[in-house]
């Protein structure tokens, strides 16, 4: 069954801030880890 277990932990609203680079250079390895 595709829904073989109850996965619902919560329906709360979570905001996640990530990447947030400086607008003066390309994204680098640190940004990659952050974004992923």
ModelCIF file with pLDDT and N, C-alpha, C, O atoms, coordinates in Angstrom:
data_MODEL
#
_entry.id   MODEL 
#
_entity.id                         1 
_entity.type                       polymer 
_entity.pdbx_number_of_molecules   1 
#
_entity_poly.entity_id                      1 
_entity_poly.type                           'polypeptide(L)' 
_entity_poly.nstd_linkage                   no 
_entity_poly.nstd_monomer                   no 
_entity_poly.pdbx_seq_one_letter_code       
;(UNK)(UNK)(UNK)(UNK)(UNK)(UNK)(UNK)(UNK)(UNK)(UNK)(UNK)(UNK)(UNK)(UNK)(UNK)(UNK)
(UNK)(UNK)(UNK)(UNK)(UNK)(UNK)(UNK)(UNK)(UNK)(UNK)(UNK)(UNK)(UNK)(UNK)(UNK)(UNK)
(UNK)(UNK)(UNK)(UNK)
;
_entity_poly.pdbx_seq_one_letter_code_can   XXXXXXXXXXXXXXXXXXXXXXXXXXXXXXXXXXXX 
_entity_poly.pdbx_strand_id                 A 
#
loop_
_entity_poly_seq.entity_id 
_entity_poly_seq.num 
_entity_poly_seq.mon_id 
_entity_poly_seq.hetero 
1 1  UNK n 
1 2  UNK n 
1 3  UNK n 
1 4  UNK n 
1 5  UNK n 
1 6  UNK n 
1 7  UNK n 
1 8  UNK n 
1 9  UNK n 
1 10 UNK n 
1 11 UNK n 
1 12 UNK n 
1 13 UNK n 
1 14 UNK n 
1 15 UNK n 
1 16 UNK n 
1 17 UNK n 
1 18 UNK n 
1 19 UNK n 
1 20 UNK n 
1 21 UNK n 
1 22 UNK n 
1 23 UNK n 
1 24 UNK n 
1 25 UNK n 
1 26 UNK n 
1 27 UNK n 
1 28 UNK n 
1 29 UNK n 
1 30 UNK n 
1 31 UNK n 
1 32 UNK n 
1 33 UNK n 
1 34 UNK n 
1 35 UNK n 
1 36 UNK n 
#
_struct_asym.id          A 
_struct_asym.entity_id   1 
#
loop_
_ma_qa_metric.id 
_ma_qa_metric.mode 
_ma_qa_metric.name 
_ma_qa_metric.software_group_id 
_ma_qa_metric.type 
1 global pLDDT . pLDDT 
2 local  pLDDT . pLDDT 
#
_ma_qa_metric_global.metric_id      1 
_ma_qa_metric_global.metric_value   88.97 
_ma_qa_metric_global.model_id       1 
_ma_qa_metric_global.ordinal_id     1 
#
loop_
_ma_qa_metric_local.label_asym_id 
_ma_qa_metric_local.label_comp_id 
_ma_qa_metric_local.label_seq_id 
_ma_qa_metric_local.metric_id 
_ma_qa_metric_local.metric_value 
_ma_qa_metric_local.model_id 
_ma_qa_metric_local.ordinal_id 
A UNK 1  2 76.00 1 1  
A UNK 2  2 69.00 1 2  
A UNK 3  2 68.00 1 3  
A UNK 4  2 67.00 1 4  
A UNK 5  2 67.00 1 5  
A UNK 6  2 70.00 1 6  
A UNK 7  2 80.00 1 7  
A UNK 8  2 85.00 1 8  
A UNK 9  2 86.00 1 9  
A UNK 10 2 91.00 1 10 
A UNK 11 2 92.00 1 11 
A UNK 12 2 96.00 1 12 
A UNK 13 2 97.00 1 13 
A UNK 14 2 98.00 1 14 
A UNK 15 2 98.00 1 15 
A UNK 16 2 98.00 1 16 
A UNK 17 2 98.00 1 17 
A UNK 18 2 97.00 1 18 
A UNK 19 2 94.00 1 19 
A UNK 20 2 90.00 1 20 
A UNK 21 2 94.00 1 21 
A UNK 22 2 93.00 1 22 
A UNK 23 2 94.00 1 23 
A UNK 24 2 93.00 1 24 
A UNK 25 2 92.00 1 25 
A UNK 26 2 94.00 1 26 
A UNK 27 2 93.00 1 27 
A UNK 28 2 89.00 1 28 
A UNK 29 2 88.00 1 29 
A UNK 30 2 87.00 1 30 
A UNK 31 2 92.00 1 31 
A UNK 32 2 94.00 1 32 
A UNK 33 2 94.00 1 33 
A UNK 34 2 96.00 1 34 
A UNK 35 2 96.00 1 35 
A UNK 36 2 97.00 1 36 
#
loop_
_atom_site.group_PDB 
_atom_site.id 
_atom_site.type_symbol 
_atom_site.label_atom_id 
_atom_site.label_alt_id 
_atom_site.label_comp_id 
_atom_site.label_asym_id 
_atom_site.label_entity_id 
_atom_site.label_seq_id 
_atom_site.pdbx_PDB_ins_code 
_atom_site.Cartn_x 
_atom_site.Cartn_y 
_atom_site.Cartn_z 
_atom_site.occupancy 
_atom_site.B_iso_or_equiv 
_atom_site.pdbx_formal_charge 
_atom_site.auth_seq_id 
_atom_site.auth_comp_id 
_atom_site.auth_asym_id 
_atom_site.auth_atom_id 
_atom_site.pdbx_PDB_model_num 
ATOM 1   N N  . UNK A 1 1  ? 0.863  -1.174 0.000  1.00 76.00 ? 1  UNK A N  1 
ATOM 2   C CA . UNK A 1 1  ? 0.000  0.000  0.000  1.00 76.00 ? 1  UNK A CA 1 
ATOM 3   C C  . UNK A 1 1  ? 0.907  1.234  0.000  1.00 76.00 ? 1  UNK A C  1 
ATOM 4   O O  . UNK A 1 1  ? 1.778  1.357  0.862  1.00 76.00 ? 1  UNK A O  1 
ATOM 5   N N  . UNK A 1 2  ? 0.716  2.139  -0.947 1.00 69.00 ? 2  UNK A N  1 
ATOM 6   C CA . UNK A 1 2  ? 1.586  3.319  -1.061 1.00 69.00 ? 2  UNK A CA 1 
ATOM 7   C C  . UNK A 1 2  ? 1.622  4.116  0.234  1.00 69.00 ? 2  UNK A C  1 
ATOM 8   O O  . UNK A 1 2  ? 2.649  4.699  0.581  1.00 69.00 ? 2  UNK A O  1 
ATOM 9   N N  . UNK A 1 3  ? 0.510  4.143  0.943  1.00 68.00 ? 3  UNK A N  1 
ATOM 10  C CA . UNK A 1 3  ? 0.454  4.844  2.230  1.00 68.00 ? 3  UNK A CA 1 
ATOM 11  C C  . UNK A 1 3  ? 0.541  3.822  3.361  1.00 68.00 ? 3  UNK A C  1 
ATOM 12  O O  . UNK A 1 3  ? -0.361 3.703  4.191  1.00 68.00 ? 3  UNK A O  1 
ATOM 13  N N  . UNK A 1 4  ? 1.673  3.076  3.367  1.00 67.00 ? 4  UNK A N  1 
ATOM 14  C CA . UNK A 1 4  ? 1.725  1.926  4.259  1.00 67.00 ? 4  UNK A CA 1 
ATOM 15  C C  . UNK A 1 4  ? 1.940  2.307  5.719  1.00 67.00 ? 4  UNK A C  1 
ATOM 16  O O  . UNK A 1 4  ? 1.898  1.430  6.582  1.00 67.00 ? 4  UNK A O  1 
ATOM 17  N N  . UNK A 1 5  ? 2.168  3.571  6.026  1.00 67.00 ? 5  UNK A N  1 
ATOM 18  C CA . UNK A 1 5  ? 2.262  3.980  7.418  1.00 67.00 ? 5  UNK A CA 1 
ATOM 19  C C  . UNK A 1 5  ? 1.833  5.434  7.525  1.00 67.00 ? 5  UNK A C  1 
ATOM 20  O O  . UNK A 1 5  ? 1.896  6.194  6.559  1.00 67.00 ? 5  UNK A O  1 
ATOM 21  N N  . UNK A 1 6  ? 1.398  5.799  8.716  1.00 70.00 ? 6  UNK A N  1 
ATOM 22  C CA . UNK A 1 6  ? 0.981  7.178  8.949  1.00 70.00 ? 6  UNK A CA 1 
ATOM 23  C C  . UNK A 1 6  ? 2.226  8.030  9.123  1.00 70.00 ? 6  UNK A C  1 
ATOM 24  O O  . UNK A 1 6  ? 2.929  7.925  10.128 1.00 70.00 ? 6  UNK A O  1 
ATOM 25  N N  . UNK A 1 7  ? 2.492  8.877  8.129  1.00 80.00 ? 7  UNK A N  1 
ATOM 26  C CA . UNK A 1 7  ? 3.704  9.692  8.167  1.00 80.00 ? 7  UNK A CA 1 
ATOM 27  C C  . UNK A 1 7  ? 3.480  11.046 8.831  1.00 80.00 ? 7  UNK A C  1 
ATOM 28  O O  . UNK A 1 7  ? 4.439  11.783 9.060  1.00 80.00 ? 7  UNK A O  1 
ATOM 29  N N  . UNK A 1 8  ? 2.252  11.379 9.138  1.00 85.00 ? 8  UNK A N  1 
ATOM 30  C CA . UNK A 1 8  ? 1.971  12.748 9.575  1.00 85.00 ? 8  UNK A CA 1 
ATOM 31  C C  . UNK A 1 8  ? 2.475  12.998 10.996 1.00 85.00 ? 8  UNK A C  1 
ATOM 32  O O  . UNK A 1 8  ? 1.977  12.421 11.963 1.00 85.00 ? 8  UNK A O  1 
ATOM 33  N N  . UNK A 1 9  ? 3.471  13.872 11.093 1.00 86.00 ? 9  UNK A N  1 
ATOM 34  C CA . UNK A 1 9  ? 3.980  14.306 12.389 1.00 86.00 ? 9  UNK A CA 1 
ATOM 35  C C  . UNK A 1 9  ? 3.274  15.575 12.847 1.00 86.00 ? 9  UNK A C  1 
ATOM 36  O O  . UNK A 1 9  ? 2.906  15.704 14.015 1.00 86.00 ? 9  UNK A O  1 
ATOM 37  N N  . UNK A 1 10 ? 3.088  16.511 11.919 1.00 91.00 ? 10 UNK A N  1 
ATOM 38  C CA . UNK A 1 10 ? 2.520  17.811 12.268 1.00 91.00 ? 10 UNK A CA 1 
ATOM 39  C C  . UNK A 1 10 ? 2.079  18.528 10.990 1.00 91.00 ? 10 UNK A C  1 
ATOM 40  O O  . UNK A 1 10 ? 2.556  18.224 9.896  1.00 91.00 ? 10 UNK A O  1 
ATOM 41  N N  . UNK A 1 11 ? 1.165  19.478 11.148 1.00 92.00 ? 11 UNK A N  1 
ATOM 42  C CA . UNK A 1 11 ? 0.783  20.319 10.014 1.00 92.00 ? 11 UNK A CA 1 
ATOM 43  C C  . UNK A 1 11 ? 1.172  21.774 10.269 1.00 92.00 ? 11 UNK A C  1 
ATOM 44  O O  . UNK A 1 11 ? 0.589  22.683 9.678  1.00 92.00 ? 11 UNK A O  1 
ATOM 45  N N  . UNK A 1 12 ? 2.152  22.000 11.145 1.00 96.00 ? 12 UNK A N  1 
ATOM 46  C CA . UNK A 1 12 ? 2.601  23.358 11.465 1.00 96.00 ? 12 UNK A CA 1 
ATOM 47  C C  . UNK A 1 12 ? 3.312  23.997 10.275 1.00 96.00 ? 12 UNK A C  1 
ATOM 48  O O  . UNK A 1 12 ? 3.784  23.313 9.366  1.00 96.00 ? 12 UNK A O  1 
ATOM 49  N N  . UNK A 1 13 ? 3.373  25.326 10.307 1.00 97.00 ? 13 UNK A N  1 
ATOM 50  C CA . UNK A 1 13 ? 4.033  26.089 9.249  1.00 97.00 ? 13 UNK A CA 1 
ATOM 51  C C  . UNK A 1 13 ? 5.491  26.350 9.614  1.00 97.00 ? 13 UNK A C  1 
ATOM 52  O O  . UNK A 1 13 ? 5.792  26.962 10.639 1.00 97.00 ? 13 UNK A O  1 
ATOM 53  N N  . UNK A 1 14 ? 6.382  25.875 8.763  1.00 98.00 ? 14 UNK A N  1 
ATOM 54  C CA . UNK A 1 14 ? 7.808  26.087 8.988  1.00 98.00 ? 14 UNK A CA 1 
ATOM 55  C C  . UNK A 1 14 ? 8.388  26.875 7.818  1.00 98.00 ? 14 UNK A C  1 
ATOM 56  O O  . UNK A 1 14 ? 8.219  26.501 6.657  1.00 98.00 ? 14 UNK A O  1 
ATOM 57  N N  . UNK A 1 15 ? 9.072  27.969 8.139  1.00 98.00 ? 15 UNK A N  1 
ATOM 58  C CA . UNK A 1 15 ? 9.799  28.727 7.137  1.00 98.00 ? 15 UNK A CA 1 
ATOM 59  C C  . UNK A 1 15 ? 11.281 28.371 7.244  1.00 98.00 ? 15 UNK A C  1 
ATOM 60  O O  . UNK A 1 15 ? 11.856 28.381 8.333  1.00 98.00 ? 15 UNK A O  1 
ATOM 61  N N  . UNK A 1 16 ? 11.892 28.057 6.097  1.00 98.00 ? 16 UNK A N  1 
ATOM 62  C CA . UNK A 1 16 ? 13.307 27.675 6.085  1.00 98.00 ? 16 UNK A CA 1 
ATOM 63  C C  . UNK A 1 16 ? 14.064 28.657 5.208  1.00 98.00 ? 16 UNK A C  1 
ATOM 64  O O  . UNK A 1 16 ? 13.805 28.771 4.010  1.00 98.00 ? 16 UNK A O  1 
ATOM 65  N N  . UNK A 1 17 ? 15.002 29.362 5.822  1.00 98.00 ? 17 UNK A N  1 
ATOM 66  C CA . UNK A 1 17 ? 15.849 30.282 5.058  1.00 98.00 ? 17 UNK A CA 1 
ATOM 67  C C  . UNK A 1 17 ? 17.156 29.580 4.720  1.00 98.00 ? 17 UNK A C  1 
ATOM 68  O O  . UNK A 1 17 ? 17.848 29.080 5.606  1.00 98.00 ? 17 UNK A O  1 
ATOM 69  N N  . UNK A 1 18 ? 17.487 29.546 3.443  1.00 97.00 ? 18 UNK A N  1 
ATOM 70  C CA . UNK A 1 18 ? 18.757 28.944 3.051  1.00 97.00 ? 18 UNK A CA 1 
ATOM 71  C C  . UNK A 1 18 ? 19.316 29.599 1.796  1.00 97.00 ? 18 UNK A C  1 
ATOM 72  O O  . UNK A 1 18 ? 18.650 30.397 1.138  1.00 97.00 ? 18 UNK A O  1 
ATOM 73  N N  . UNK A 1 19 ? 20.523 29.251 1.491  1.00 94.00 ? 19 UNK A N  1 
ATOM 74  C CA . UNK A 1 19 ? 21.338 29.796 0.402  1.00 94.00 ? 19 UNK A CA 1 
ATOM 75  C C  . UNK A 1 19 ? 21.754 31.225 0.711  1.00 94.00 ? 19 UNK A C  1 
ATOM 76  O O  . UNK A 1 19 ? 22.885 31.459 1.136  1.00 94.00 ? 19 UNK A O  1 
ATOM 77  N N  . UNK A 1 20 ? 20.838 32.203 0.502  1.00 90.00 ? 20 UNK A N  1 
ATOM 78  C CA . UNK A 1 20 ? 21.061 33.594 0.891  1.00 90.00 ? 20 UNK A CA 1 
ATOM 79  C C  . UNK A 1 20 ? 22.466 34.094 0.566  1.00 90.00 ? 20 UNK A C  1 
ATOM 80  O O  . UNK A 1 20 ? 23.220 34.458 1.468  1.00 90.00 ? 20 UNK A O  1 
ATOM 81  N N  . UNK A 1 21 ? 22.820 34.112 -0.719 1.00 94.00 ? 21 UNK A N  1 
ATOM 82  C CA . UNK A 1 21 ? 24.169 34.509 -1.108 1.00 94.00 ? 21 UNK A CA 1 
ATOM 83  C C  . UNK A 1 21 ? 24.350 36.023 -1.160 1.00 94.00 ? 21 UNK A C  1 
ATOM 84  O O  . UNK A 1 21 ? 23.381 36.781 -1.140 1.00 94.00 ? 21 UNK A O  1 
ATOM 85  N N  . UNK A 1 22 ? 25.611 36.446 -1.227 1.00 93.00 ? 22 UNK A N  1 
ATOM 86  C CA . UNK A 1 22 ? 25.930 37.842 -1.517 1.00 93.00 ? 22 UNK A CA 1 
ATOM 87  C C  . UNK A 1 22 ? 25.836 38.053 -3.025 1.00 93.00 ? 22 UNK A C  1 
ATOM 88  O O  . UNK A 1 22 ? 26.215 37.181 -3.808 1.00 93.00 ? 22 UNK A O  1 
ATOM 89  N N  . UNK A 1 23 ? 25.329 39.214 -3.423 1.00 94.00 ? 23 UNK A N  1 
ATOM 90  C CA . UNK A 1 23 ? 25.156 39.481 -4.856 1.00 94.00 ? 23 UNK A CA 1 
ATOM 91  C C  . UNK A 1 23 ? 26.429 40.088 -5.452 1.00 94.00 ? 23 UNK A C  1 
ATOM 92  O O  . UNK A 1 23 ? 26.383 41.106 -6.143 1.00 94.00 ? 23 UNK A O  1 
ATOM 93  N N  . UNK A 1 24 ? 27.571 39.440 -5.169 1.00 93.00 ? 24 UNK A N  1 
ATOM 94  C CA . UNK A 1 24 ? 28.830 39.982 -5.700 1.00 93.00 ? 24 UNK A CA 1 
ATOM 95  C C  . UNK A 1 24 ? 29.794 38.897 -6.177 1.00 93.00 ? 24 UNK A C  1 
ATOM 96  O O  . UNK A 1 24 ? 30.960 39.178 -6.454 1.00 93.00 ? 24 UNK A O  1 
ATOM 97  N N  . UNK A 1 25 ? 29.304 37.645 -6.273 1.00 92.00 ? 25 UNK A N  1 
ATOM 98  C CA . UNK A 1 25 ? 30.180 36.564 -6.723 1.00 92.00 ? 25 UNK A CA 1 
ATOM 99  C C  . UNK A 1 25 ? 29.320 35.318 -6.985 1.00 92.00 ? 25 UNK A C  1 
ATOM 100 O O  . UNK A 1 25 ? 28.177 35.249 -6.534 1.00 92.00 ? 25 UNK A O  1 
ATOM 101 N N  . UNK A 1 26 ? 29.863 34.346 -7.706 1.00 94.00 ? 26 UNK A N  1 
ATOM 102 C CA . UNK A 1 26 ? 29.079 33.136 -8.000 1.00 94.00 ? 26 UNK A CA 1 
ATOM 103 C C  . UNK A 1 26 ? 28.897 32.250 -6.775 1.00 94.00 ? 26 UNK A C  1 
ATOM 104 O O  . UNK A 1 26 ? 29.615 32.382 -5.783 1.00 94.00 ? 26 UNK A O  1 
ATOM 105 N N  . UNK A 1 27 ? 27.927 31.348 -6.860 1.00 93.00 ? 27 UNK A N  1 
ATOM 106 C CA . UNK A 1 27 ? 27.713 30.365 -5.799 1.00 93.00 ? 27 UNK A CA 1 
ATOM 107 C C  . UNK A 1 27 ? 28.897 29.399 -5.761 1.00 93.00 ? 27 UNK A C  1 
ATOM 108 O O  . UNK A 1 27 ? 29.397 28.974 -6.802 1.00 93.00 ? 27 UNK A O  1 
ATOM 109 N N  . UNK A 1 28 ? 29.341 29.056 -4.538 1.00 89.00 ? 28 UNK A N  1 
ATOM 110 C CA . UNK A 1 28 ? 30.476 28.146 -4.411 1.00 89.00 ? 28 UNK A CA 1 
ATOM 111 C C  . UNK A 1 28 ? 30.088 26.921 -3.574 1.00 89.00 ? 28 UNK A C  1 
ATOM 112 O O  . UNK A 1 28 ? 28.909 26.711 -3.289 1.00 89.00 ? 28 UNK A O  1 
ATOM 113 N N  . UNK A 1 29 ? 31.082 26.116 -3.183 1.00 88.00 ? 29 UNK A N  1 
ATOM 114 C CA . UNK A 1 29 ? 30.810 24.860 -2.474 1.00 88.00 ? 29 UNK A CA 1 
ATOM 115 C C  . UNK A 1 29 ? 30.017 25.071 -1.193 1.00 88.00 ? 29 UNK A C  1 
ATOM 116 O O  . UNK A 1 29 ? 29.139 24.274 -0.864 1.00 88.00 ? 29 UNK A O  1 
ATOM 117 N N  . UNK A 1 30 ? 30.327 26.150 -0.465 1.00 87.00 ? 30 UNK A N  1 
ATOM 118 C CA . UNK A 1 30 ? 29.585 26.433 0.762  1.00 87.00 ? 30 UNK A CA 1 
ATOM 119 C C  . UNK A 1 30 ? 28.119 26.691 0.489  1.00 87.00 ? 30 UNK A C  1 
ATOM 120 O O  . UNK A 1 30 ? 27.253 26.218 1.225  1.00 87.00 ? 30 UNK A O  1 
ATOM 121 N N  . UNK A 1 31 ? 27.833 27.445 -0.571 1.00 92.00 ? 31 UNK A N  1 
ATOM 122 C CA . UNK A 1 31 ? 26.438 27.691 -0.945 1.00 92.00 ? 31 UNK A CA 1 
ATOM 123 C C  . UNK A 1 31 ? 25.748 26.394 -1.352 1.00 92.00 ? 31 UNK A C  1 
ATOM 124 O O  . UNK A 1 31 ? 24.568 26.193 -1.063 1.00 92.00 ? 31 UNK A O  1 
ATOM 125 N N  . UNK A 1 32 ? 26.495 25.508 -2.030 1.00 94.00 ? 32 UNK A N  1 
ATOM 126 C CA . UNK A 1 32 ? 25.902 24.236 -2.453 1.00 94.00 ? 32 UNK A CA 1 
ATOM 127 C C  . UNK A 1 32 ? 25.454 23.441 -1.232 1.00 94.00 ? 32 UNK A C  1 
ATOM 128 O O  . UNK A 1 32 ? 24.328 22.948 -1.183 1.00 94.00 ? 32 UNK A O  1 
ATOM 129 N N  . UNK A 1 33 ? 26.345 23.318 -0.244 1.00 94.00 ? 33 UNK A N  1 
ATOM 130 C CA . UNK A 1 33 ? 25.967 22.540 0.940  1.00 94.00 ? 33 UNK A CA 1 
ATOM 131 C C  . UNK A 1 33 ? 24.764 23.170 1.631  1.00 94.00 ? 33 UNK A C  1 
ATOM 132 O O  . UNK A 1 33 ? 23.824 22.472 2.013  1.00 94.00 ? 33 UNK A O  1 
ATOM 133 N N  . UNK A 1 34 ? 24.795 24.476 1.790  1.00 96.00 ? 34 UNK A N  1 
ATOM 134 C CA . UNK A 1 34 ? 23.700 25.203 2.421  1.00 96.00 ? 34 UNK A CA 1 
ATOM 135 C C  . UNK A 1 34 ? 22.386 24.943 1.684  1.00 96.00 ? 34 UNK A C  1 
ATOM 136 O O  . UNK A 1 34 ? 21.381 24.584 2.298  1.00 96.00 ? 34 UNK A O  1 
ATOM 137 N N  . UNK A 1 35 ? 22.404 25.125 0.370  1.00 96.00 ? 35 UNK A N  1 
ATOM 138 C CA . UNK A 1 35 ? 21.187 24.984 -0.435 1.00 96.00 ? 35 UNK A CA 1 
ATOM 139 C C  . UNK A 1 35 ? 20.647 23.564 -0.424 1.00 96.00 ? 35 UNK A C  1 
ATOM 140 O O  . UNK A 1 35 ? 19.435 23.355 -0.367 1.00 96.00 ? 35 UNK A O  1 
ATOM 141 N N  . UNK A 1 36 ? 21.548 22.585 -0.478 1.00 97.00 ? 36 UNK A N  1 
ATOM 142 C CA . UNK A 1 36 ? 21.110 21.190 -0.508 1.00 97.00 ? 36 UNK A CA 1 
ATOM 143 C C  . UNK A 1 36 ? 20.490 20.779 0.817  1.00 97.00 ? 36 UNK A C  1 
ATOM 144 O O  . UNK A 1 36 ? 20.065 19.634 0.971  1.00 97.00 ? 36 UNK A O  1 
#
